Amino acid sequence: MTNENKPVFDLSSIQSPEIPNDSQKGFPAPLQSWPDRSAPKPPMIQISVRATPETVQRLKDVCHSERYSYGEMLELLLDAYDEKGRGL
């Protein structure tokens, strides 16, 4: 038995594949995705609010426990405010 490292497989006979370019005929057309049928989402904006750390933590806790985003919770709070007749 010799100590020479012999390859397990002879890979010298394998040729690299030819990759067609776009100009060659028979090249598959690029895939096109299906149109999105969901309703378009309204544009979102970002606001900055100054509040005490306690108030911010209360908001985070409520949003987390009720599983709402900050924007969704703001909308719910404004709707409740309007229902009380205090809205603009």
PDB file of N, CA and C in Angstrom:
ATOM      1  N   MET A   1       0.846  -1.178   0.000  1.00  0.00           N
ATOM      2  CA  MET A   1       0.000   0.000   0.000  1.00  0.00           C
ATOM      3  C   MET A   1       0.894   1.244   0.000  1.00  0.00           C
ATOM      4  N   THR A   2       0.580   2.195  -0.861  1.00  0.00           N
ATOM      5  CA  THR A   2       1.404   3.395  -0.961  1.00  0.00           C
ATOM      6  C   THR A   2       0.741   4.541  -0.218  1.00  0.00           C
ATOM      7  N   ASN A   3       1.520   5.541   0.079  1.00  0.00           N
ATOM      8  CA  ASN A   3       1.008   6.702   0.789  1.00  0.00           C
ATOM      9  C   ASN A   3       0.555   7.813  -0.146  1.00  0.00           C
ATOM     10  N   GLU A   4       0.504   7.551  -1.437  1.00  0.00           N
ATOM     11  CA  GLU A   4       0.083   8.575  -2.384  1.00  0.00           C
ATOM     12  C   GLU A   4      -1.410   8.833  -2.233  1.00  0.00           C
ATOM     13  N   ASN A   5      -1.775  10.110  -2.318  1.00  0.00           N
ATOM     14  CA  ASN A   5      -3.198  10.469  -2.264  1.00  0.00           C
ATOM     15  C   ASN A   5      -3.772  10.381  -3.664  1.00  0.00           C
ATOM     16  N   LYS A   6      -4.567   9.385  -3.910  1.00  0.00           N
ATOM     17  CA  LYS A   6      -5.190   9.229  -5.211  1.00  0.00           C
ATOM     18  C   LYS A   6      -6.621   9.734  -5.115  1.00  0.00           C
ATOM     19  N   PRO A   7      -7.095  10.447  -6.140  1.00  0.00           N
ATOM     20  CA  PRO A   7      -8.483  10.911  -6.107  1.00  0.00           C
ATOM     21  C   PRO A   7      -9.440   9.728  -6.155  1.00  0.00           C
ATOM     22  N   VAL A   8     -10.526   9.868  -5.444  1.00  0.00           N
ATOM     23  CA  VAL A   8     -11.539   8.823  -5.422  1.00  0.00           C
ATOM     24  C   VAL A   8     -12.242   8.764  -6.771  1.00  0.00           C
ATOM     25  N   PHE A   9     -12.491   9.925  -7.376  1.00  0.00           N
ATOM     26  CA  PHE A   9     -13.150  10.016  -8.670  1.00  0.00           C
ATOM     27  C   PHE A   9     -12.215  10.714  -9.652  1.00  0.00           C
ATOM     28  N   ASP A  10     -12.273  10.299 -10.895  1.00  0.00           N
ATOM     29  CA  ASP A  10     -11.485  10.961 -11.928  1.00  0.00           C
ATOM     30  C   ASP A  10     -12.348  12.062 -12.527  1.00  0.00           C
ATOM     31  N   LEU A  11     -12.081  13.309 -12.165  1.00  0.00           N
ATOM     32  CA  LEU A  11     -12.881  14.440 -12.609  1.00  0.00           C
ATOM     33  C   LEU A  11     -12.300  15.110 -13.845  1.00  0.00           C
ATOM     34  N   SER A  12     -11.237  14.584 -14.375  1.00  0.00           N
ATOM     35  CA  SER A  12     -10.599  15.234 -15.511  1.00  0.00           C
ATOM     36  C   SER A  12     -11.430  15.147 -16.790  1.00  0.00           C
ATOM     37  N   SER A  13     -12.340  14.171 -16.875  1.00  0.00           N
ATOM     38  CA  SER A  13     -13.137  14.012 -18.091  1.00  0.00           C
ATOM     39  C   SER A  13     -14.386  14.896 -18.096  1.00  0.00           C
ATOM     40  N   ILE A  14     -14.679  15.547 -17.009  1.00  0.00           N
ATOM     41  CA  ILE A  14     -15.870  16.391 -16.920  1.00  0.00           C
ATOM     42  C   ILE A  14     -15.574  17.750 -17.536  1.00  0.00           C
ATOM     43  N   GLN A  15     -16.463  18.177 -18.434  1.00  0.00           N
ATOM     44  CA  GLN A  15     -16.303  19.471 -19.079  1.00  0.00           C
ATOM     45  C   GLN A  15     -17.228  20.472 -18.401  1.00  0.00           C
ATOM     46  N   SER A  16     -16.806  21.719 -18.359  1.00  0.00           N
ATOM     47  CA  SER A  16     -17.667  22.744 -17.767  1.00  0.00           C
ATOM     48  C   SER A  16     -18.822  23.027 -18.721  1.00  0.00           C
ATOM     49  N   PRO A  17     -20.019  23.243 -18.211  1.00  0.00           N
ATOM     50  CA  PRO A  17     -21.179  23.478 -19.070  1.00  0.00           C
ATOM     51  C   PRO A  17     -21.085  24.831 -19.757  1.00  0.00           C
ATOM     52  N   GLU A  18     -21.693  24.914 -20.924  1.00  0.00           N
ATOM     53  CA  GLU A  18     -21.760  26.186 -21.630  1.00  0.00           C
ATOM     54  C   GLU A  18     -22.969  26.947 -21.122  1.00  0.00           C
ATOM     55  N   ILE A  19     -22.761  28.186 -20.774  1.00  0.00           N
ATOM     56  CA  ILE A  19     -23.842  29.017 -20.268  1.00  0.00           C
ATOM     57  C   ILE A  19     -24.314  29.919 -21.391  1.00  0.00           C
ATOM     58  N   PRO A  20     -25.582  29.774 -21.822  1.00  0.00           N
ATOM     59  CA  PRO A  20     -26.067  30.600 -22.929  1.00  0.00           C
ATOM     60  C   PRO A  20     -26.212  32.049 -22.496  1.00  0.00           C
ATOM     61  N   ASN A  21     -26.024  32.950 -23.443  1.00  0.00           N
ATOM     62  CA  ASN A  21     -26.253  34.352 -23.132  1.00  0.00           C
ATOM     63  C   ASN A  21     -27.624  34.762 -23.669  1.00  0.00           C
ATOM     64  N   ASP A  22     -28.037  35.969 -23.375  1.00  0.00           N
ATOM     65  CA  ASP A  22     -29.374  36.428 -23.751  1.00  0.00           C
ATOM     66  C   ASP A  22     -29.594  36.464 -25.254  1.00  0.00           C
ATOM     67  N   SER A  23     -28.533  36.623 -26.015  1.00  0.00           N
ATOM     68  CA  SER A  23     -28.706  36.771 -27.450  1.00  0.00           C
ATOM     69  C   SER A  23     -28.947  35.439 -28.153  1.00  0.00           C
ATOM     70  N   GLN A  24     -28.650  34.335 -27.507  1.00  0.00           N
ATOM     71  CA  GLN A  24     -28.870  33.039 -28.133  1.00  0.00           C
ATOM     72  C   GLN A  24     -30.339  32.655 -28.063  1.00  0.00           C
ATOM     73  N   LYS A  25     -30.805  32.038 -29.142  1.00  0.00           N
ATOM     74  CA  LYS A  25     -32.200  31.605 -29.164  1.00  0.00           C
ATOM     75  C   LYS A  25     -32.353  30.403 -28.247  1.00  0.00           C
ATOM     76  N   GLY A  26     -33.552  30.254 -27.734  1.00  0.00           N
ATOM     77  CA  GLY A  26     -33.824  29.138 -26.854  1.00  0.00           C
ATOM     78  C   GLY A  26     -33.562  29.438 -25.397  1.00  0.00           C
ATOM     79  N   PHE A  27     -33.042  30.611 -25.133  1.00  0.00           N
ATOM     80  CA  PHE A  27     -32.821  30.982 -23.737  1.00  0.00           C
ATOM     81  C   PHE A  27     -34.166  31.293 -23.105  1.00  0.00           C
ATOM     82  N   PRO A  28     -34.483  30.726 -21.960  1.00  0.00           N
ATOM     83  CA  PRO A  28     -35.808  30.944 -21.367  1.00  0.00           C
ATOM     84  C   PRO A  28     -36.027  32.404 -20.991  1.00  0.00           C
ATOM     85  N   ALA A  29     -37.256  32.830 -21.179  1.00  0.00           N
ATOM     86  CA  ALA A  29     -37.624  34.199 -20.828  1.00  0.00           C
ATOM     87  C   ALA A  29     -37.596  34.344 -19.310  1.00  0.00           C
ATOM     88  N   PRO A  30     -37.298  35.522 -18.811  1.00  0.00           N
ATOM     89  CA  PRO A  30     -37.299  35.711 -17.353  1.00  0.00           C
ATOM     90  C   PRO A  30     -38.698  35.505 -16.788  1.00  0.00           C
ATOM     91  N   LEU A  31     -38.742  34.940 -15.607  1.00  0.00           N
ATOM     92  CA  LEU A  31     -40.028  34.695 -14.956  1.00  0.00           C
ATOM     93  C   LEU A  31     -40.670  36.010 -14.543  1.00  0.00           C
ATOM     94  N   GLN A  32     -41.962  36.083 -14.734  1.00  0.00           N
ATOM     95  CA  GLN A  32     -42.697  37.267 -14.303  1.00  0.00           C
ATOM     96  C   GLN A  32     -43.627  36.857 -13.175  1.00  0.00           C
ATOM     97  N   SER A  33     -43.673  37.663 -12.149  1.00  0.00           N
ATOM     98  CA  SER A  33     -44.509  37.321 -11.005  1.00  0.00           C
ATOM     99  C   SER A  33     -45.959  37.702 -11.280  1.00  0.00           C
ATOM    100  N   TRP A  34     -46.842  37.092 -10.529  1.00  0.00           N
ATOM    101  CA  TRP A  34     -48.263  37.397 -10.642  1.00  0.00           C
ATOM    102  C   TRP A  34     -48.513  38.790 -10.078  1.00  0.00           C
ATOM    103  N   PRO A  35     -49.482  39.507 -10.634  1.00  0.00           N
ATOM    104  CA  PRO A  35     -49.779  40.834 -10.087  1.00  0.00           C
ATOM    105  C   PRO A  35     -50.334  40.712  -8.669  1.00  0.00           C
ATOM    106  N   ASP A  36     -50.004  41.659  -7.844  1.00  0.00           N
ATOM    107  CA  ASP A  36     -50.468  41.675  -6.458  1.00  0.00           C
ATOM    108  C   ASP A  36     -51.927  42.100  -6.439  1.00  0.00           C
ATOM    109  N   ARG A  37     -52.786  41.236  -5.902  1.00  0.00           N
ATOM    110  CA  ARG A  37     -54.220  41.525  -5.881  1.00  0.00           C
ATOM    111  C   ARG A  37     -54.682  42.131  -4.560  1.00  0.00           C
ATOM    112  N   SER A  38     -53.804  42.230  -3.608  1.00  0.00           N
ATOM    113  CA  SER A  38     -54.201  42.801  -2.326  1.00  0.00           C
ATOM    114  C   SER A  38     -54.425  44.303  -2.487  1.00  0.00           C
ATOM    115  N   ALA A  39     -55.231  44.825  -1.618  1.00  0.00           N
ATOM    116  CA  ALA A  39     -55.537  46.255  -1.670  1.00  0.00           C
ATOM    117  C   ALA A  39     -54.264  47.049  -1.384  1.00  0.00           C
ATOM    118  N   PRO A  40     -54.084  48.150  -2.087  1.00  0.00           N
ATOM    119  CA  PRO A  40     -52.884  48.945  -1.823  1.00  0.00           C
ATOM    120  C   PRO A  40     -52.919  49.504  -0.401  1.00  0.00           C
ATOM    121  N   LYS A  41     -51.777  49.492   0.245  1.00  0.00           N
ATOM    122  CA  LYS A  41     -51.687  49.997   1.609  1.00  0.00           C
ATOM    123  C   LYS A  41     -51.576  51.515   1.568  1.00  0.00           C
ATOM    124  N   PRO A  42     -52.209  52.174   2.537  1.00  0.00           N
ATOM    125  CA  PRO A  42     -52.084  53.635   2.570  1.00  0.00           C
ATOM    126  C   PRO A  42     -50.647  54.019   2.900  1.00  0.00           C
ATOM    127  N   PRO A  43     -50.228  55.176   2.432  1.00  0.00           N
ATOM    128  CA  PRO A  43     -48.849  55.583   2.732  1.00  0.00           C
ATOM    129  C   PRO A  43     -48.670  55.788   4.230  1.00  0.00           C
ATOM    130  N   MET A  44     -47.523  55.456   4.727  1.00  0.00           N
ATOM    131  CA  MET A  44     -47.223  55.585   6.153  1.00  0.00           C
ATOM    132  C   MET A  44     -46.244  56.743   6.333  1.00  0.00           C
ATOM    133  N   ILE A  45     -46.416  57.468   7.439  1.00  0.00           N
ATOM    134  CA  ILE A  45     -45.469  58.515   7.795  1.00  0.00           C
ATOM    135  C   ILE A  45     -44.978  58.246   9.207  1.00  0.00           C
ATOM    136  N   GLN A  46     -43.930  58.891   9.582  1.00  0.00           N
ATOM    137  CA  GLN A  46     -43.362  58.721  10.912  1.00  0.00           C
ATOM    138  C   GLN A  46     -43.489  60.022  11.675  1.00  0.00           C
ATOM    139  N   ILE A  47     -43.833  59.916  12.966  1.00  0.00           N
ATOM    140  CA  ILE A  47     -43.920  61.107  13.815  1.00  0.00           C
ATOM    141  C   ILE A  47     -43.023  60.899  15.025  1.00  0.00           C
ATOM    142  N   SER A  48     -42.700  61.981  15.666  1.00  0.00           N
ATOM    143  CA  SER A  48     -41.926  61.943  16.887  1.00  0.00           C
ATOM    144  C   SER A  48     -42.768  62.577  17.985  1.00  0.00           C
ATOM    145  N   VAL A  49     -42.830  61.916  19.136  1.00  0.00           N
ATOM    146  CA  VAL A  49     -43.672  62.392  20.238  1.00  0.00           C
ATOM    147  C   VAL A  49     -42.801  62.553  21.476  1.00  0.00           C
ATOM    148  N   ARG A  50     -42.932  63.693  22.133  1.00  0.00           N
ATOM    149  CA  ARG A  50     -42.224  63.892  23.402  1.00  0.00           C
ATOM    150  C   ARG A  50     -43.162  63.464  24.529  1.00  0.00           C
ATOM    151  N   ALA A  51     -42.664  62.562  25.362  1.00  0.00           N
ATOM    152  CA  ALA A  51     -43.450  62.067  26.493  1.00  0.00           C
ATOM    153  C   ALA A  51     -42.488  61.601  27.577  1.00  0.00           C
ATOM    154  N   THR A  52     -43.016  61.456  28.765  1.00  0.00           N
ATOM    155  CA  THR A  52     -42.186  60.960  29.858  1.00  0.00           C
ATOM    156  C   THR A  52     -41.872  59.483  29.608  1.00  0.00           C
ATOM    157  N   PRO A  53     -40.780  58.998  30.170  1.00  0.00           N
ATOM    158  CA  PRO A  53     -40.460  57.573  30.003  1.00  0.00           C
ATOM    159  C   PRO A  53     -41.579  56.658  30.509  1.00  0.00           C
ATOM    160  N   GLU A  54     -42.275  57.086  31.552  1.00  0.00           N
ATOM    161  CA  GLU A  54     -43.367  56.271  32.088  1.00  0.00           C
ATOM    162  C   GLU A  54     -44.512  56.158  31.082  1.00  0.00           C
ATOM    163  N   THR A  55     -44.848  57.278  30.432  1.00  0.00           N
ATOM    164  CA  THR A  55     -45.928  57.272  29.449  1.00  0.00           C
ATOM    165  C   THR A  55     -45.565  56.412  28.253  1.00  0.00           C
ATOM    166  N   VAL A  56     -44.337  56.535  27.796  1.00  0.00           N
ATOM    167  CA  VAL A  56     -43.885  55.725  26.667  1.00  0.00           C
ATOM    168  C   VAL A  56     -43.924  54.252  27.033  1.00  0.00           C
ATOM    169  N   GLN A  57     -43.505  53.917  28.243  1.00  0.00           N
ATOM    170  CA  GLN A  57     -43.527  52.516  28.670  1.00  0.00           C
ATOM    171  C   GLN A  57     -44.959  51.997  28.765  1.00  0.00           C
ATOM    172  N   ARG A  58     -45.879  52.837  29.231  1.00  0.00           N
ATOM    173  CA  ARG A  58     -47.299  52.430  29.285  1.00  0.00           C
ATOM    174  C   ARG A  58     -47.820  52.118  27.890  1.00  0.00           C
ATOM    175  N   LEU A  59     -47.478  52.980  26.930  1.00  0.00           N
ATOM    176  CA  LEU A  59     -47.909  52.752  25.555  1.00  0.00           C
ATOM    177  C   LEU A  59     -47.327  51.446  25.018  1.00  0.00           C
ATOM    178  N   LYS A  60     -46.043  51.231  25.240  1.00  0.00           N
ATOM    179  CA  LYS A  60     -45.408  50.001  24.776  1.00  0.00           C
ATOM    180  C   LYS A  60     -46.049  48.770  25.410  1.00  0.00           C
ATOM    181  N   ASP A  61     -46.341  48.849  26.706  1.00  0.00           N
ATOM    182  CA  ASP A  61     -46.946  47.716  27.405  1.00  0.00           C
ATOM    183  C   ASP A  61     -48.332  47.399  26.856  1.00  0.00           C
ATOM    184  N   VAL A  62     -49.142  48.439  26.639  1.00  0.00           N
ATOM    185  CA  VAL A  62     -50.491  48.225  26.103  1.00  0.00           C
ATOM    186  C   VAL A  62     -50.415  47.647  24.695  1.00  0.00           C
ATOM    187  N   CYS A  63     -49.561  48.210  23.850  1.00  0.00           N
ATOM    188  CA  CYS A  63     -49.431  47.716  22.475  1.00  0.00           C
ATOM    189  C   CYS A  63     -48.960  46.267  22.460  1.00  0.00           C
ATOM    190  N   HIS A  64     -48.020  45.951  23.331  1.00  0.00           N
ATOM    191  CA  HIS A  64     -47.509  44.589  23.381  1.00  0.00           C
ATOM    192  C   HIS A  64     -48.581  43.614  23.869  1.00  0.00           C
ATOM    193  N   SER A  65     -49.294  43.970  24.933  1.00  0.00           N
ATOM    194  CA  SER A  65     -50.293  43.055  25.490  1.00  0.00           C
ATOM    195  C   SER A  65     -51.498  42.884  24.570  1.00  0.00           C
ATOM    196  N   GLU A  66     -51.871  43.938  23.845  1.00  0.00           N
ATOM    197  CA  GLU A  66     -53.018  43.870  22.944  1.00  0.00           C
ATOM    198  C   GLU A  66     -52.616  43.475  21.518  1.00  0.00           C
ATOM    199  N   ARG A  67     -51.313  43.371  21.266  1.00  0.00           N
ATOM    200  CA  ARG A  67     -50.780  42.970  19.957  1.00  0.00           C
ATOM    201  C   ARG A  67     -51.154  43.957  18.851  1.00  0.00           C
ATOM    202  N   TYR A  68     -50.961  45.242  19.128  1.00  0.00           N
ATOM    203  CA  TYR A  68     -51.181  46.308  18.151  1.00  0.00           C
ATOM    204  C   TYR A  68     -49.869  47.036  17.916  1.00  0.00           C
ATOM    205  N   SER A  69     -49.721  47.578  16.723  1.00  0.00           N
ATOM    206  CA  SER A  69     -48.574  48.455  16.471  1.00  0.00           C
ATOM    207  C   SER A  69     -48.875  49.803  17.121  1.00  0.00           C
ATOM    208  N   TYR A  70     -47.858  50.644  17.208  1.00  0.00           N
ATOM    209  CA  TYR A  70     -48.069  51.969  17.803  1.00  0.00           C
ATOM    210  C   TYR A  70     -49.061  52.773  16.972  1.00  0.00           C
ATOM    211  N   GLY A  71     -48.981  52.670  15.666  1.00  0.00           N
ATOM    212  CA  GLY A  71     -49.903  53.393  14.795  1.00  0.00           C
ATOM    213  C   GLY A  71     -51.332  52.911  14.942  1.00  0.00           C
ATOM    214  N   GLU A  72     -51.521  51.583  15.050  1.00  0.00           N
ATOM    215  CA  GLU A  72     -52.868  51.038  15.239  1.00  0.00           C
ATOM    216  C   GLU A  72     -53.440  51.485  16.580  1.00  0.00           C
ATOM    217  N   MET A  73     -52.603  51.492  17.617  1.00  0.00           N
ATOM    218  CA  MET A  73     -53.076  51.921  18.932  1.00  0.00           C
ATOM    219  C   MET A  73     -53.417  53.398  18.924  1.00  0.00           C
ATOM    220  N   LEU A  74     -52.628  54.213  18.229  1.00  0.00           N
ATOM    221  CA  LEU A  74     -52.936  55.635  18.118  1.00  0.00           C
ATOM    222  C   LEU A  74     -54.290  55.830  17.450  1.00  0.00           C
ATOM    223  N   GLU A  75     -54.557  55.067  16.404  1.00  0.00           N
ATOM    224  CA  GLU A  75     -55.845  55.162  15.722  1.00  0.00           C
ATOM    225  C   GLU A  75     -56.994  54.772  16.649  1.00  0.00           C
ATOM    226  N   LEU A  76     -56.817  53.703  17.419  1.00  0.00           N
ATOM    227  CA  LEU A  76     -57.861  53.295  18.380  1.00  0.00           C
ATOM    228  C   LEU A  76     -58.093  54.368  19.437  1.00  0.00           C
ATOM    229  N   LEU A  77     -57.033  54.957  19.947  1.00  0.00           N
ATOM    230  CA  LEU A  77     -57.167  56.001  20.959  1.00  0.00           C
ATOM    231  C   LEU A  77     -57.865  57.233  20.400  1.00  0.00           C
ATOM    232  N   LEU A  78     -57.525  57.608  19.158  1.00  0.00           N
ATOM    233  CA  LEU A  78     -58.177  58.765  18.542  1.00  0.00           C
ATOM    234  C   LEU A  78     -59.655  58.485  18.258  1.00  0.00           C
ATOM    235  N   ASP A  79     -59.981  57.262  17.845  1.00  0.00           N
ATOM    236  CA  ASP A  79     -61.383  56.896  17.626  1.00  0.00           C
ATOM    237  C   ASP A  79     -62.175  56.976  18.933  1.00  0.00           C
ATOM    238  N   ALA A  80     -61.584  56.491  20.031  1.00  0.00           N
ATOM    239  CA  ALA A  80     -62.250  56.565  21.331  1.00  0.00           C
ATOM    240  C   ALA A  80     -62.413  58.017  21.766  1.00  0.00           C
ATOM    241  N   TYR A  81     -61.423  58.834  21.489  1.00  0.00           N
ATOM    242  CA  TYR A  81     -61.491  60.262  21.814  1.00  0.00           C
ATOM    243  C   TYR A  81     -62.621  60.937  21.039  1.00  0.00           C
ATOM    244  N   ASP A  82     -62.744  60.607  19.753  1.00  0.00           N
ATOM    245  CA  ASP A  82     -63.815  61.179  18.922  1.00  0.00           C
ATOM    246  C   ASP A  82     -65.195  60.721  19.375  1.00  0.00           C
ATOM    247  N   GLU A  83     -65.320  59.489  19.830  1.00  0.00           N
ATOM    248  CA  GLU A  83     -66.611  58.975  20.284  1.00  0.00           C
ATOM    249  C   GLU A  83     -67.094  59.689  21.530  1.00  0.00           C
ATOM    250  N   LYS A  84     -66.202  60.215  22.333  1.00  0.00           N
ATOM    251  CA  LYS A  84     -66.583  60.938  23.526  1.00  0.00           C
ATOM    252  C   LYS A  84     -67.021  62.368  23.213  1.00  0.00           C
ATOM    253  N   GLY A  85     -66.923  62.781  21.942  1.00  0.00           N
ATOM    254  CA  GLY A  85     -67.360  64.117  21.565  1.00  0.00           C
ATOM    255  C   GLY A  85     -66.323  65.174  21.792  1.00  0.00           C
ATOM    256  N   ARG A  86     -65.100  64.775  22.061  1.00  0.00           N
ATOM    257  CA  ARG A  86     -64.045  65.753  22.307  1.00  0.00           C
ATOM    258  C   ARG A  86     -63.181  65.988  21.070  1.00  0.00           C
ATOM    259  N   GLY A  87     -63.511  65.346  19.978  1.00  0.00           N
ATOM    260  CA  GLY A  87     -62.705  65.464  18.774  1.00  0.00           C
ATOM    261  C   GLY A  87     -62.849  66.822  18.139  1.00  0.00           C
ATOM    262  N   LEU A  88     -62.014  67.054  17.176  1.00  0.00           N
ATOM    263  CA  LEU A  88     -62.045  68.333  16.471  1.00  0.00           C
ATOM    264  C   LEU A  88     -63.279  68.352  15.646  1.00  0.00           C
TER     265      LEU A  88
END
